[in-house]
Amino acid sequence: MDPYTWVYIILLVVSTAISYANRPKIEQPKAAAFEDFQFPQCEEGTAQEVIFGDCWTQSWMVLGLGNYRTSKIKTSSGK
């Protein structure tokens, strides 16, 4: 092999090591807590509507919600 080939290989290895050492450290995102969500809530004396199905309203509010899960979602590999 040509002597310059070894120089190029050494430069490639050195630049790869420098790039690996200087890469940004990735932090894991924090899981969303229930306090992070902002739901409009009703005030005392506000009329309550019962709606079945999908529709748009001018003033909507959340009276109750459920099925808030904190467990991880597990998926299969499709086998």
Protein backbone atom coordinates (compact mmCIF):
# COMPACT_ATOMS: atom_id res chain seq x y z
CA MET A 1 0.00 0.00 0.00
CA ASP A 2 0.96 3.56 -0.52
CA PRO A 3 2.42 5.25 2.62
CA TYR A 4 -0.17 8.02 2.37
CA THR A 5 -2.95 5.47 2.76
CA TRP A 6 -1.83 4.74 6.33
CA VAL A 7 -1.80 8.45 7.09
CA TYR A 8 -5.37 8.74 5.81
CA ILE A 9 -6.49 5.74 7.85
CA ILE A 10 -4.88 7.16 11.01
CA LEU A 11 -6.53 10.55 10.37
CA LEU A 12 -9.89 8.83 9.87
CA VAL A 13 -9.57 6.94 13.16
CA VAL A 14 -8.44 10.06 15.06
CA SER A 15 -11.24 12.22 13.62
CA THR A 16 -13.81 9.52 14.44
CA ALA A 17 -12.55 9.33 18.03
CA ILE A 18 -12.67 13.12 18.40
CA SER A 19 -16.19 13.26 16.95
CA TYR A 20 -17.35 10.51 19.31
CA ALA A 21 -15.82 12.27 22.34
CA ASN A 22 -17.35 15.66 21.46
CA ARG A 23 -20.86 14.52 20.59
CA PRO A 24 -23.68 16.11 22.64
CA LYS A 25 -24.88 14.07 25.59
CA ILE A 26 -28.50 13.00 25.14
CA GLU A 27 -30.71 13.34 28.20
CA GLN A 28 -33.79 11.18 28.57
CA PRO A 29 -36.99 13.25 28.48
CA LYS A 30 -39.00 13.46 31.68
CA ALA A 31 -42.32 11.63 31.63
CA ALA A 32 -45.38 13.88 31.57
CA ALA A 33 -47.12 14.26 34.90
CA PHE A 34 -50.80 14.90 35.40
CA GLU A 35 -49.99 18.44 36.55
CA ASP A 36 -48.47 19.22 33.14
CA PHE A 37 -51.87 19.06 31.42
CA GLN A 38 -54.13 22.09 31.47
CA PHE A 39 -57.83 21.33 31.20
CA PRO A 40 -60.49 24.05 31.21
CA GLN A 41 -62.67 23.46 34.23
CA CYS A 42 -66.14 24.62 35.04
CA GLU A 43 -66.98 27.24 37.61
CA GLU A 44 -69.76 26.87 40.11
CA GLY A 45 -73.12 27.74 38.57
CA THR A 46 -72.09 27.08 34.97
CA ALA A 47 -74.64 25.08 33.00
CA GLN A 48 -73.51 21.54 32.25
CA GLU A 49 -74.08 20.06 28.82
CA VAL A 50 -74.21 16.39 27.97
CA ILE A 51 -73.07 15.68 24.42
CA PHE A 52 -73.08 12.29 22.77
CA GLY A 53 -70.81 11.86 19.78
CA ASP A 54 -68.60 14.45 18.08
CA CYS A 55 -69.61 18.08 17.90
CA TRP A 56 -68.20 21.61 18.32
CA THR A 57 -69.35 23.91 21.11
CA GLN A 58 -68.55 27.55 21.84
CA SER A 59 -67.60 27.09 25.48
CA TRP A 60 -66.34 23.69 26.41
CA MET A 61 -65.07 22.42 29.70
CA VAL A 62 -63.85 19.21 31.23
CA LEU A 63 -66.01 17.93 34.06
CA GLY A 64 -64.22 14.63 34.42
CA LEU A 65 -61.72 12.39 32.75
CA GLY A 66 -60.36 8.98 33.40
CA ASN A 67 -58.08 6.17 32.34
CA TYR A 68 -54.88 8.10 33.02
CA ARG A 69 -52.08 5.53 32.71
CA THR A 70 -48.51 5.81 33.87
CA SER A 71 -47.32 2.41 32.69
CA LYS A 72 -45.14 2.02 29.62
CA ILE A 73 -46.72 1.01 26.33
CA LYS A 74 -45.44 -2.40 25.28
CA THR A 75 -45.55 -3.41 21.64
CA SER A 76 -44.79 -6.71 20.03
CA SER A 77 -42.37 -7.02 17.16
CA GLY A 78 -45.13 -8.13 14.79
CA LYS A 79 -44.45 -11.84 14.91
